[in-house]
PDB file of all heavy atoms in Angstrom:
ATOM      1  N   TYR A   1     -13.343 -11.397   0.115  1.00  0.00           N
ATOM      2  CA  TYR A   1     -13.138 -11.500   1.500  1.00  0.00           C
ATOM      3  C   TYR A   1     -13.409 -10.090   2.161  1.00  0.00           C
ATOM      4  O   TYR A   1     -12.785  -9.094   1.852  1.00  0.00           O
ATOM      5  CB  TYR A   1     -11.655 -11.860   1.840  1.00  0.00           C
ATOM      6  CG  TYR A   1     -11.284 -12.101   3.269  1.00  0.00           C
ATOM      7  CD1 TYR A   1     -11.593 -13.314   3.894  1.00  0.00           C
ATOM      8  CD2 TYR A   1     -10.841 -11.038   4.048  1.00  0.00           C
ATOM      9  CE1 TYR A   1     -11.266 -13.494   5.290  1.00  0.00           C
ATOM     10  CE2 TYR A   1     -10.498 -11.240   5.409  1.00  0.00           C
ATOM     11  CZ  TYR A   1     -10.818 -12.399   5.961  1.00  0.00           C
ATOM     12  OH  TYR A   1     -10.538 -12.623   7.313  1.00  0.00           O
ATOM     13  N   PRO A   2     -14.409 -10.094   3.070  1.00  0.00           N
ATOM     14  CA  PRO A   2     -14.729  -8.779   3.692  1.00  0.00           C
ATOM     15  C   PRO A   2     -13.718  -8.418   4.769  1.00  0.00           C
ATOM     16  O   PRO A   2     -13.625  -9.097   5.751  1.00  0.00           O
ATOM     17  CB  PRO A   2     -16.181  -9.012   4.260  1.00  0.00           C
ATOM     18  CG  PRO A   2     -16.180 -10.591   4.552  1.00  0.00           C
ATOM     19  CD  PRO A   2     -15.333 -11.155   3.463  1.00  0.00           C
ATOM     20  N   ILE A   3     -12.977  -7.403   4.594  1.00  0.00           N
ATOM     21  CA  ILE A   3     -11.999  -6.880   5.613  1.00  0.00           C
ATOM     22  C   ILE A   3     -12.847  -6.307   6.825  1.00  0.00           C
ATOM     23  O   ILE A   3     -12.444  -6.458   7.952  1.00  0.00           O
ATOM     24  CB  ILE A   3     -11.053  -5.921   4.976  1.00  0.00           C
ATOM     25  CG1 ILE A   3     -10.273  -6.512   3.864  1.00  0.00           C
ATOM     26  CG2 ILE A   3     -10.106  -5.341   6.153  1.00  0.00           C
ATOM     27  CD1 ILE A   3      -9.358  -7.635   4.298  1.00  0.00           C
ATOM     28  N   SER A   4     -13.834  -5.581   6.406  1.00  0.00           N
ATOM     29  CA  SER A   4     -14.742  -4.931   7.367  1.00  0.00           C
ATOM     30  C   SER A   4     -16.098  -4.805   6.756  1.00  0.00           C
ATOM     31  O   SER A   4     -16.398  -5.266   5.612  1.00  0.00           O
ATOM     32  CB  SER A   4     -14.170  -3.601   7.869  1.00  0.00           C
ATOM     33  OG  SER A   4     -14.266  -2.637   6.728  1.00  0.00           O
ATOM     34  N   ARG A   5     -16.984  -4.070   7.415  1.00  0.00           N
ATOM     35  CA  ARG A   5     -18.308  -3.886   6.883  1.00  0.00           C
ATOM     36  C   ARG A   5     -18.311  -3.036   5.592  1.00  0.00           C
ATOM     37  O   ARG A   5     -19.155  -3.105   4.831  1.00  0.00           O
ATOM     38  CB  ARG A   5     -19.183  -3.179   7.941  1.00  0.00           C
ATOM     39  CG  ARG A   5     -20.699  -2.922   7.525  1.00  0.00           C
ATOM     40  CD  ARG A   5     -21.324  -2.263   8.653  1.00  0.00           C
ATOM     41  NE  ARG A   5     -22.689  -1.888   8.335  1.00  0.00           N
ATOM     42  CZ  ARG A   5     -23.563  -1.234   9.087  1.00  0.00           C
ATOM     43  NH1 ARG A   5     -23.144  -0.836  10.344  1.00  0.00           N
ATOM     44  NH2 ARG A   5     -24.729  -0.941   8.703  1.00  0.00           N
ATOM     45  N   TYR A   6     -17.298  -2.200   5.518  1.00  0.00           N
ATOM     46  CA  TYR A   6     -17.167  -1.280   4.353  1.00  0.00           C
ATOM     47  C   TYR A   6     -16.150  -1.566   3.360  1.00  0.00           C
ATOM     48  O   TYR A   6     -16.069  -0.919   2.257  1.00  0.00           O
ATOM     49  CB  TYR A   6     -16.947   0.091   4.940  1.00  0.00           C
ATOM     50  CG  TYR A   6     -17.828   0.554   6.031  1.00  0.00           C
ATOM     51  CD1 TYR A   6     -17.528   0.550   7.328  1.00  0.00           C
ATOM     52  CD2 TYR A   6     -19.175   0.973   5.613  1.00  0.00           C
ATOM     53  CE1 TYR A   6     -18.512   0.873   8.252  1.00  0.00           C
ATOM     54  CE2 TYR A   6     -20.126   1.379   6.550  1.00  0.00           C
ATOM     55  CZ  TYR A   6     -19.777   1.310   7.924  1.00  0.00           C
ATOM     56  OH  TYR A   6     -20.711   1.543   8.899  1.00  0.00           O
ATOM     57  N   ILE A   7     -15.204  -2.553   3.519  1.00  0.00           N
ATOM     58  CA  ILE A   7     -14.118  -2.927   2.612  1.00  0.00           C
ATOM     59  C   ILE A   7     -14.283  -4.347   2.225  1.00  0.00           C
ATOM     60  O   ILE A   7     -14.245  -5.259   3.092  1.00  0.00           O
ATOM     61  CB  ILE A   7     -12.833  -2.441   3.188  1.00  0.00           C
ATOM     62  CG1 ILE A   7     -12.812  -1.041   3.621  1.00  0.00           C
ATOM     63  CG2 ILE A   7     -11.667  -2.812   2.244  1.00  0.00           C
ATOM     64  CD1 ILE A   7     -11.440  -0.673   4.301  1.00  0.00           C
ATOM     65  N   LEU A   8     -14.257  -4.602   0.912  1.00  0.00           N
ATOM     66  CA  LEU A   8     -14.272  -5.948   0.378  1.00  0.00           C
ATOM     67  C   LEU A   8     -12.998  -6.157  -0.484  1.00  0.00           C
ATOM     68  O   LEU A   8     -12.759  -5.453  -1.460  1.00  0.00           O
ATOM     69  CB  LEU A   8     -15.485  -6.284  -0.317  1.00  0.00           C
ATOM     70  CG  LEU A   8     -15.738  -7.608  -0.995  1.00  0.00           C
ATOM     71  CD1 LEU A   8     -15.921  -8.667   0.105  1.00  0.00           C
ATOM     72  CD2 LEU A   8     -16.850  -7.665  -1.974  1.00  0.00           C
ATOM     73  N   LEU A   9     -12.195  -7.175  -0.110  1.00  0.00           N
ATOM     74  CA  LEU A   9     -11.003  -7.470  -0.907  1.00  0.00           C
ATOM     75  C   LEU A   9     -11.310  -8.744  -1.762  1.00  0.00           C
ATOM     76  O   LEU A   9     -11.674  -9.799  -1.224  1.00  0.00           O
ATOM     77  CB  LEU A   9      -9.900  -7.733  -0.008  1.00  0.00           C
ATOM     78  CG  LEU A   9      -8.421  -7.809  -0.569  1.00  0.00           C
ATOM     79  CD1 LEU A   9      -8.092  -6.414  -1.220  1.00  0.00           C
ATOM     80  CD2 LEU A   9      -7.459  -8.187   0.477  1.00  0.00           C
ATOM     81  N   THR A  10     -10.918  -8.692  -3.012  1.00  0.00           N
ATOM     82  CA  THR A  10     -11.226  -9.931  -3.930  1.00  0.00           C
ATOM     83  C   THR A  10      -9.952 -10.169  -4.702  1.00  0.00           C
ATOM     84  O   THR A  10      -9.711  -9.731  -5.799  1.00  0.00           O
ATOM     85  CB  THR A  10     -12.389  -9.595  -4.788  1.00  0.00           C
ATOM     86  OG1 THR A  10     -13.563  -9.153  -4.117  1.00  0.00           O
ATOM     87  CG2 THR A  10     -12.797 -10.830  -5.637  1.00  0.00           C
ATOM     88  N   PRO A  11      -9.075 -11.057  -4.245  1.00  0.00           N
ATOM     89  CA  PRO A  11      -7.912 -11.591  -5.017  1.00  0.00           C
ATOM     90  C   PRO A  11      -8.425 -12.622  -5.939  1.00  0.00           C
ATOM     91  O   PRO A  11      -9.409 -13.401  -5.585  1.00  0.00           O
ATOM     92  CB  PRO A  11      -7.002 -12.073  -3.926  1.00  0.00           C
ATOM     93  CG  PRO A  11      -7.866 -12.412  -2.823  1.00  0.00           C
ATOM     94  CD  PRO A  11      -8.978 -11.551  -2.843  1.00  0.00           C
ATOM     95  N   GLY A  12      -7.645 -12.934  -6.965  1.00  0.00           N
ATOM     96  CA  GLY A  12      -8.037 -14.066  -7.831  1.00  0.00           C
ATOM     97  C   GLY A  12      -7.040 -14.146  -9.014  1.00  0.00           C
ATOM     98  O   GLY A  12      -6.087 -13.407  -9.084  1.00  0.00           O
ATOM     99  N   PHE A  13      -7.257 -15.108  -9.852  1.00  0.00           N
ATOM    100  CA  PHE A  13      -6.456 -15.274 -11.119  1.00  0.00           C
ATOM    101  C   PHE A  13      -7.245 -16.005 -12.148  1.00  0.00           C
ATOM    102  O   PHE A  13      -8.338 -16.550 -11.886  1.00  0.00           O
ATOM    103  CB  PHE A  13      -5.185 -16.047 -10.739  1.00  0.00           C
ATOM    104  CG  PHE A  13      -5.433 -17.608 -10.657  1.00  0.00           C
ATOM    105  CD1 PHE A  13      -5.360 -18.399 -11.755  1.00  0.00           C
ATOM    106  CD2 PHE A  13      -5.704 -18.151  -9.404  1.00  0.00           C
ATOM    107  CE1 PHE A  13      -5.566 -19.795 -11.630  1.00  0.00           C
ATOM    108  CE2 PHE A  13      -5.960 -19.457  -9.291  1.00  0.00           C
ATOM    109  CZ  PHE A  13      -5.938 -20.360 -10.469  1.00  0.00           C
ATOM    110  N   TYR A  14      -6.764 -15.802 -13.374  1.00  0.00           N
ATOM    111  CA  TYR A  14      -7.433 -16.584 -14.462  1.00  0.00           C
ATOM    112  C   TYR A  14      -6.299 -17.011 -15.415  1.00  0.00           C
ATOM    113  O   TYR A  14      -5.263 -16.411 -15.480  1.00  0.00           O
ATOM    114  CB  TYR A  14      -8.531 -15.824 -15.187  1.00  0.00           C
ATOM    115  CG  TYR A  14      -8.121 -14.611 -15.955  1.00  0.00           C
ATOM    116  CD1 TYR A  14      -7.727 -14.667 -17.267  1.00  0.00           C
ATOM    117  CD2 TYR A  14      -8.121 -13.335 -15.317  1.00  0.00           C
ATOM    118  CE1 TYR A  14      -7.411 -13.607 -17.934  1.00  0.00           C
ATOM    119  CE2 TYR A  14      -7.813 -12.144 -15.996  1.00  0.00           C
ATOM    120  CZ  TYR A  14      -7.415 -12.283 -17.343  1.00  0.00           C
ATOM    121  OH  TYR A  14      -6.959 -11.222 -18.137  1.00  0.00           O
ATOM    122  N   VAL A  15      -6.546 -18.066 -16.159  1.00  0.00           N
ATOM    123  CA  VAL A  15      -5.684 -18.687 -17.224  1.00  0.00           C
ATOM    124  C   VAL A  15      -6.482 -18.885 -18.434  1.00  0.00           C
ATOM    125  O   VAL A  15      -7.549 -19.509 -18.361  1.00  0.00           O
ATOM    126  CB  VAL A  15      -4.924 -19.882 -16.635  1.00  0.00           C
ATOM    127  CG1 VAL A  15      -5.863 -20.977 -16.131  1.00  0.00           C
ATOM    128  CG2 VAL A  15      -3.977 -20.377 -17.675  1.00  0.00           C
ATOM    129  N   ILE A  16      -5.848 -18.450 -19.547  1.00  0.00           N
ATOM    130  CA  ILE A  16      -6.493 -18.789 -20.885  1.00  0.00           C
ATOM    131  C   ILE A  16      -5.610 -19.817 -21.508  1.00  0.00           C
ATOM    132  O   ILE A  16      -4.411 -19.597 -21.745  1.00  0.00           O
ATOM    133  CB  ILE A  16      -6.632 -17.577 -21.706  1.00  0.00           C
ATOM    134  CG1 ILE A  16      -7.510 -16.549 -21.062  1.00  0.00           C
ATOM    135  CG2 ILE A  16      -7.105 -17.852 -23.125  1.00  0.00           C
ATOM    136  CD1 ILE A  16      -7.554 -15.179 -21.790  1.00  0.00           C
ATOM    137  N   PHE A  17      -6.150 -20.923 -21.835  1.00  0.00           N
ATOM    138  CA  PHE A  17      -5.431 -22.031 -22.501  1.00  0.00           C
ATOM    139  C   PHE A  17      -5.641 -21.867 -24.050  1.00  0.00           C
ATOM    140  O   PHE A  17      -6.744 -21.769 -24.496  1.00  0.00           O
ATOM    141  CB  PHE A  17      -5.916 -23.384 -22.145  1.00  0.00           C
ATOM    142  CG  PHE A  17      -5.884 -23.667 -20.583  1.00  0.00           C
ATOM    143  CD1 PHE A  17      -6.886 -23.421 -19.741  1.00  0.00           C
ATOM    144  CD2 PHE A  17      -4.573 -24.045 -20.002  1.00  0.00           C
ATOM    145  CE1 PHE A  17      -6.817 -23.659 -18.446  1.00  0.00           C
ATOM    146  CE2 PHE A  17      -4.486 -24.237 -18.737  1.00  0.00           C
ATOM    147  CZ  PHE A  17      -5.647 -24.051 -17.889  1.00  0.00           C
ATOM    148  N   ASP A  18      -4.428 -22.054 -24.756  1.00  0.00           N
ATOM    149  CA  ASP A  18      -4.495 -21.987 -26.199  1.00  0.00           C
ATOM    150  C   ASP A  18      -5.255 -20.675 -26.693  1.00  0.00           C
ATOM    151  O   ASP A  18      -6.221 -20.697 -27.441  1.00  0.00           O
ATOM    152  CB  ASP A  18      -5.289 -23.138 -26.896  1.00  0.00           C
ATOM    153  CG  ASP A  18      -4.663 -24.485 -26.523  1.00  0.00           C
ATOM    154  OD1 ASP A  18      -3.417 -24.542 -26.236  1.00  0.00           O
ATOM    155  OD2 ASP A  18      -5.377 -25.497 -26.357  1.00  0.00           O
ATOM    156  N   PRO A  19      -4.654 -19.485 -26.409  1.00  0.00           N
ATOM    157  CA  PRO A  19      -5.346 -18.225 -26.735  1.00  0.00           C
ATOM    158  C   PRO A  19      -5.515 -18.063 -28.159  1.00  0.00           C
ATOM    159  O   PRO A  19      -4.762 -18.696 -29.003  1.00  0.00           O
ATOM    160  CB  PRO A  19      -4.281 -17.236 -26.243  1.00  0.00           C
ATOM    161  CG  PRO A  19      -3.491 -17.865 -25.206  1.00  0.00           C
ATOM    162  CD  PRO A  19      -3.371 -19.269 -25.610  1.00  0.00           C
ATOM    163  N   ASN A  20      -6.491 -17.341 -28.568  1.00  0.00           N
ATOM    164  CA  ASN A  20      -6.995 -17.153 -29.979  1.00  0.00           C
ATOM    165  C   ASN A  20      -7.249 -18.402 -30.711  1.00  0.00           C
ATOM    166  O   ASN A  20      -7.149 -18.570 -31.926  1.00  0.00           O
ATOM    167  CB  ASN A  20      -5.889 -16.358 -30.661  1.00  0.00           C
ATOM    168  CG  ASN A  20      -5.939 -14.861 -30.385  1.00  0.00           C
ATOM    169  OD1 ASN A  20      -6.883 -14.422 -29.991  1.00  0.00           O
ATOM    170  ND2 ASN A  20      -4.788 -14.242 -30.566  1.00  0.00           N
ATOM    171  N   ASN A  21      -7.740 -19.477 -29.932  1.00  0.00           N
ATOM    172  CA  ASN A  21      -8.067 -20.700 -30.453  1.00  0.00           C
ATOM    173  C   ASN A  21      -6.958 -21.299 -31.348  1.00  0.00           C
ATOM    174  O   ASN A  21      -7.210 -21.919 -32.399  1.00  0.00           O
ATOM    175  CB  ASN A  21      -9.391 -20.501 -31.280  1.00  0.00           C
ATOM    176  CG  ASN A  21     -10.614 -20.171 -30.411  1.00  0.00           C
ATOM    177  OD1 ASN A  21     -10.777 -20.728 -29.403  1.00  0.00           O
ATOM    178  ND2 ASN A  21     -11.379 -19.306 -30.980  1.00  0.00           N
ATOM    179  N   PHE A  22      -5.695 -21.277 -30.830  1.00  0.00           N
ATOM    180  CA  PHE A  22      -4.563 -21.705 -31.478  1.00  0.00           C
ATOM    181  C   PHE A  22      -3.576 -22.413 -30.495  1.00  0.00           C
ATOM    182  O   PHE A  22      -3.088 -21.647 -29.609  1.00  0.00           O
ATOM    183  CB  PHE A  22      -3.834 -20.589 -32.223  1.00  0.00           C
ATOM    184  CG  PHE A  22      -2.783 -20.962 -33.173  1.00  0.00           C
ATOM    185  CD1 PHE A  22      -3.053 -21.794 -34.206  1.00  0.00           C
ATOM    186  CD2 PHE A  22      -1.465 -20.494 -33.024  1.00  0.00           C
ATOM    187  CE1 PHE A  22      -2.087 -22.107 -35.084  1.00  0.00           C
ATOM    188  CE2 PHE A  22      -0.504 -20.897 -33.907  1.00  0.00           C
ATOM    189  CZ  PHE A  22      -0.771 -21.672 -34.927  1.00  0.00           C
ATOM    190  N   SER A  23      -3.463 -23.641 -30.590  1.00  0.00           N
ATOM    191  CA  SER A  23      -2.738 -24.462 -29.590  1.00  0.00           C
ATOM    192  C   SER A  23      -1.322 -24.103 -29.532  1.00  0.00           C
ATOM    193  O   SER A  23      -0.603 -24.398 -28.518  1.00  0.00           O
ATOM    194  CB  SER A  23      -2.919 -25.963 -29.873  1.00  0.00           C
ATOM    195  OG  SER A  23      -2.415 -26.289 -31.174  1.00  0.00           O
ATOM    196  N   GLU A  24      -0.634 -23.540 -30.569  1.00  0.00           N
ATOM    197  CA  GLU A  24       0.745 -23.244 -30.441  1.00  0.00           C
ATOM    198  C   GLU A  24       0.991 -21.866 -29.738  1.00  0.00           C
ATOM    199  O   GLU A  24       2.136 -21.478 -29.399  1.00  0.00           O
ATOM    200  CB  GLU A  24       1.272 -23.071 -31.911  1.00  0.00           C
ATOM    201  CG  GLU A  24       1.227 -24.377 -32.631  1.00  0.00           C
ATOM    202  CD  GLU A  24       1.835 -24.282 -34.066  1.00  0.00           C
ATOM    203  OE1 GLU A  24       2.597 -23.268 -34.352  1.00  0.00           O
ATOM    204  OE2 GLU A  24       1.597 -25.146 -34.839  1.00  0.00           O
ATOM    205  N   ASN A  25      -0.087 -21.163 -29.338  1.00  0.00           N
ATOM    206  CA  ASN A  25       0.165 -19.995 -28.517  1.00  0.00           C
ATOM    207  C   ASN A  25       0.271 -20.393 -27.050  1.00  0.00           C
ATOM    208  O   ASN A  25      -0.345 -21.309 -26.601  1.00  0.00           O
ATOM    209  CB  ASN A  25      -1.093 -19.071 -28.546  1.00  0.00           C
ATOM    210  CG  ASN A  25      -1.182 -18.376 -29.951  1.00  0.00           C
ATOM    211  OD1 ASN A  25      -0.127 -18.137 -30.563  1.00  0.00           O
ATOM    212  ND2 ASN A  25      -2.391 -17.986 -30.344  1.00  0.00           N
ATOM    213  N   GLY A  26       1.203 -19.772 -26.332  1.00  0.00           N
ATOM    214  CA  GLY A  26       1.390 -20.077 -24.920  1.00  0.00           C
ATOM    215  C   GLY A  26       0.209 -19.669 -24.070  1.00  0.00           C
ATOM    216  O   GLY A  26      -0.482 -18.665 -24.419  1.00  0.00           O
ATOM    217  N   ASN A  27       0.008 -20.367 -22.984  1.00  0.00           N
ATOM    218  CA  ASN A  27      -1.126 -20.105 -22.130  1.00  0.00           C
ATOM    219  C   ASN A  27      -0.860 -18.734 -21.412  1.00  0.00           C
ATOM    220  O   ASN A  27       0.241 -18.342 -21.152  1.00  0.00           O
ATOM    221  CB  ASN A  27      -1.264 -21.139 -21.025  1.00  0.00           C
ATOM    222  CG  ASN A  27      -1.647 -22.468 -21.595  1.00  0.00           C
ATOM    223  OD1 ASN A  27      -2.170 -22.545 -22.655  1.00  0.00           O
ATOM    224  ND2 ASN A  27      -1.285 -23.610 -20.826  1.00  0.00           N
ATOM    225  N   ILE A  28      -1.919 -17.970 -21.156  1.00  0.00           N
ATOM    226  CA  ILE A  28      -1.809 -16.654 -20.469  1.00  0.00           C
ATOM    227  C   ILE A  28      -2.316 -16.750 -19.046  1.00  0.00           C
ATOM    228  O   ILE A  28      -3.470 -17.180 -18.803  1.00  0.00           O
ATOM    229  CB  ILE A  28      -2.589 -15.606 -21.260  1.00  0.00           C
ATOM    230  CG1 ILE A  28      -2.126 -15.470 -22.742  1.00  0.00           C
ATOM    231  CG2 ILE A  28      -2.698 -14.320 -20.567  1.00  0.00           C
ATOM    232  CD1 ILE A  28      -2.997 -14.620 -23.607  1.00  0.00           C
ATOM    233  N   TRP A  29      -1.469 -16.417 -18.094  1.00  0.00           N
ATOM    234  CA  TRP A  29      -1.826 -16.388 -16.657  1.00  0.00           C
ATOM    235  C   TRP A  29      -1.872 -14.861 -16.120  1.00  0.00           C
ATOM    236  O   TRP A  29      -0.959 -14.182 -16.515  1.00  0.00           O
ATOM    237  CB  TRP A  29      -0.723 -17.214 -15.827  1.00  0.00           C
ATOM    238  CG  TRP A  29      -0.621 -18.534 -16.207  1.00  0.00           C
ATOM    239  CD1 TRP A  29      -0.098 -19.171 -17.277  1.00  0.00           C
ATOM    240  CD2 TRP A  29      -1.251 -19.684 -15.378  1.00  0.00           C
ATOM    241  NE1 TRP A  29      -0.228 -20.543 -17.217  1.00  0.00           N
ATOM    242  CE2 TRP A  29      -1.014 -20.873 -16.049  1.00  0.00           C
ATOM    243  CE3 TRP A  29      -1.927 -19.682 -14.228  1.00  0.00           C
ATOM    244  CZ2 TRP A  29      -1.263 -22.067 -15.533  1.00  0.00           C
ATOM    245  CZ3 TRP A  29      -2.235 -20.941 -13.691  1.00  0.00           C
ATOM    246  CH2 TRP A  29      -1.998 -22.092 -14.327  1.00  0.00           C
TER     247      TRP A  29
END
C-alpha cells in the first residue's frame, strides 16, 4: 500500500502447515 510517492507499506502474514514435513508439528503463523 503506497502511503505516498516515497513510502510503501506492506503488511502481510504467512502460515506453514506441518512444519519440517511432519504432521505432528504445530502450524507456524
